[in-house]
Amino acid sequence: MISNTPEHPSEIHQIIERGRAEKWQIYHRLQELQINCQCAGDCPLKVQCHTVQDVIQLWSVVKQISSSRQQSIDWLQLCWEKSNDF
């Protein structure tokens, strides 16, 4: 689950509640992308997004990690079909 808790108009704070393994995978990937986040023990993952690109990266990371292999295949197939429409 992702919930939005803005504290400042130019920032978006996301709280991500996932299983422990998924949470840490998301955390490490966001660290690689240099997106500010905090993760302590059994607490939810807290992410601070400053730009639209940060929000899109967050969405992408969560989707990639939480989707099944078949869901990812279906998503890529849909994207491929849509790209052929242009």
C-alpha atoms as a PDB file:
ATOM      1  CA  MET A   1       0.000   0.000   0.000  1.00  0.00           C
ATOM      2  CA  ILE A   2       1.220   3.490  -0.807  1.00  0.00           C
ATOM      3  CA  SER A   3      -0.254   6.492   0.960  1.00  0.00           C
ATOM      4  CA  ASN A   4       0.437  10.135   0.215  1.00  0.00           C
ATOM      5  CA  THR A   5       1.183  12.529   3.079  1.00  0.00           C
ATOM      6  CA  PRO A   6       2.347  15.904   1.706  1.00  0.00           C
ATOM      7  CA  GLU A   7       3.945  18.251   4.233  1.00  0.00           C
ATOM      8  CA  HIS A   8       5.252  20.859   1.840  1.00  0.00           C
ATOM      9  CA  PRO A   9       3.841  21.806  -1.592  1.00  0.00           C
ATOM     10  CA  SER A  10       7.090  20.922  -3.404  1.00  0.00           C
ATOM     11  CA  GLU A  11       7.524  17.550  -1.699  1.00  0.00           C
ATOM     12  CA  ILE A  12       5.547  14.343  -1.636  1.00  0.00           C
ATOM     13  CA  HIS A  13       6.063  11.889   1.183  1.00  0.00           C
ATOM     14  CA  GLN A  14       5.127   8.292   0.533  1.00  0.00           C
ATOM     15  CA  ILE A  15       4.701   5.595   3.144  1.00  0.00           C
ATOM     16  CA  ILE A  16       5.044   2.093   1.758  1.00  0.00           C
ATOM     17  CA  GLU A  17       3.783  -0.871   3.711  1.00  0.00           C
ATOM     18  CA  ARG A  18       5.024  -4.132   2.239  1.00  0.00           C
ATOM     19  CA  GLY A  19       6.390  -7.405   3.452  1.00  0.00           C
ATOM     20  CA  ARG A  20       9.865  -7.212   4.966  1.00  0.00           C
ATOM     21  CA  ALA A  21      11.706  -8.646   1.935  1.00  0.00           C
ATOM     22  CA  GLU A  22       9.897  -6.441  -0.607  1.00  0.00           C
ATOM     23  CA  LYS A  23      10.359  -3.368   1.580  1.00  0.00           C
ATOM     24  CA  TRP A  24      14.125  -3.859   1.746  1.00  0.00           C
ATOM     25  CA  GLN A  25      14.391  -4.544  -1.992  1.00  0.00           C
ATOM     26  CA  ILE A  26      12.484  -1.321  -2.691  1.00  0.00           C
ATOM     27  CA  TYR A  27      14.623   0.588  -0.186  1.00  0.00           C
ATOM     28  CA  HIS A  28      17.921  -0.572  -1.712  1.00  0.00           C
ATOM     29  CA  ARG A  29      16.776   0.172  -5.264  1.00  0.00           C
ATOM     30  CA  LEU A  30      15.607   3.667  -4.284  1.00  0.00           C
ATOM     31  CA  GLN A  31      18.988   4.255  -2.615  1.00  0.00           C
ATOM     32  CA  GLU A  32      20.676   3.292  -5.908  1.00  0.00           C
ATOM     33  CA  LEU A  33      18.437   5.824  -7.673  1.00  0.00           C
ATOM     34  CA  GLN A  34      19.399   8.444  -5.064  1.00  0.00           C
ATOM     35  CA  ILE A  35      15.802   8.909  -3.911  1.00  0.00           C
ATOM     36  CA  ASN A  36      15.611   9.952  -0.264  1.00  0.00           C
ATOM     37  CA  CYS A  37      14.065   7.185   1.850  1.00  0.00           C
ATOM     38  CA  GLN A  38      14.170   5.766   5.355  1.00  0.00           C
ATOM     39  CA  CYS A  39      13.596   2.219   6.513  1.00  0.00           C
ATOM     40  CA  ALA A  40      13.937   1.131  10.129  1.00  0.00           C
ATOM     41  CA  GLY A  41      13.179  -2.347  11.432  1.00  0.00           C
ATOM     42  CA  ASP A  42       9.518  -3.246  11.214  1.00  0.00           C
ATOM     43  CA  CYS A  43       8.413   0.327  10.404  1.00  0.00           C
ATOM     44  CA  PRO A  44       6.998   1.209   6.980  1.00  0.00           C
ATOM     45  CA  LEU A  45       9.356   2.514   4.307  1.00  0.00           C
ATOM     46  CA  LYS A  46       9.212   6.322   4.090  1.00  0.00           C
ATOM     47  CA  VAL A  47      10.068   7.918   0.757  1.00  0.00           C
ATOM     48  CA  GLN A  48      10.503  11.611   0.000  1.00  0.00           C
ATOM     49  CA  CYS A  49       9.848  12.548  -3.624  1.00  0.00           C
ATOM     50  CA  HIS A  50      10.944  15.995  -4.811  1.00  0.00           C
ATOM     51  CA  THR A  51      10.174  15.677  -8.511  1.00  0.00           C
ATOM     52  CA  VAL A  52       7.717  13.994 -10.820  1.00  0.00           C
ATOM     53  CA  GLN A  53      10.585  11.759 -11.939  1.00  0.00           C
ATOM     54  CA  ASP A  54      11.035  10.595  -8.333  1.00  0.00           C
ATOM     55  CA  VAL A  55       7.351   9.657  -8.156  1.00  0.00           C
ATOM     56  CA  ILE A  56       7.542   7.774 -11.450  1.00  0.00           C
ATOM     57  CA  GLN A  57      10.705   5.954 -10.349  1.00  0.00           C
ATOM     58  CA  LEU A  58       9.031   5.015  -7.060  1.00  0.00           C
ATOM     59  CA  TRP A  59       5.975   3.679  -8.896  1.00  0.00           C
ATOM     60  CA  SER A  60       8.194   1.732 -11.282  1.00  0.00           C
ATOM     61  CA  VAL A  61      10.310   0.177  -8.524  1.00  0.00           C
ATOM     62  CA  VAL A  62       7.273  -0.855  -6.467  1.00  0.00           C
ATOM     63  CA  LYS A  63       5.566  -2.300  -9.562  1.00  0.00           C
ATOM     64  CA  GLN A  64       8.671  -4.209 -10.643  1.00  0.00           C
ATOM     65  CA  ILE A  65       9.313  -5.730  -7.234  1.00  0.00           C
ATOM     66  CA  SER A  66       5.713  -6.516  -6.295  1.00  0.00           C
ATOM     67  CA  SER A  67       4.519  -7.870  -9.657  1.00  0.00           C
ATOM     68  CA  SER A  68       4.638 -11.521 -10.521  1.00  0.00           C
ATOM     69  CA  ARG A  69       6.651 -12.659 -13.516  1.00  0.00           C
ATOM     70  CA  GLN A  70       3.435 -13.189 -15.509  1.00  0.00           C
ATOM     71  CA  GLN A  71       2.159  -9.710 -14.635  1.00  0.00           C
ATOM     72  CA  SER A  72       5.444  -8.219 -15.872  1.00  0.00           C
ATOM     73  CA  ILE A  73       5.223 -10.215 -19.109  1.00  0.00           C
ATOM     74  CA  ASP A  74       1.621  -9.076 -19.643  1.00  0.00           C
ATOM     75  CA  TRP A  75       2.596  -5.435 -18.990  1.00  0.00           C
ATOM     76  CA  LEU A  76       5.484  -5.609 -21.482  1.00  0.00           C
ATOM     77  CA  GLN A  77       3.242  -7.247 -24.053  1.00  0.00           C
ATOM     78  CA  LEU A  78       0.679  -4.464 -23.660  1.00  0.00           C
ATOM     79  CA  CYS A  79       3.399  -1.818 -24.021  1.00  0.00           C
ATOM     80  CA  TRP A  80       4.717  -3.543 -27.140  1.00  0.00           C
ATOM     81  CA  GLU A  81       1.222  -3.634 -28.666  1.00  0.00           C
ATOM     82  CA  LYS A  82       0.653   0.050 -27.855  1.00  0.00           C
ATOM     83  CA  SER A  83       3.992   1.060 -29.373  1.00  0.00           C
ATOM     84  CA  ASN A  84       2.973  -0.596 -32.623  1.00  0.00           C
ATOM     85  CA  ASP A  85      -0.150   1.595 -32.732  1.00  0.00           C
ATOM     86  CA  PHE A  86       2.011   4.654 -33.427  1.00  0.00           C
END
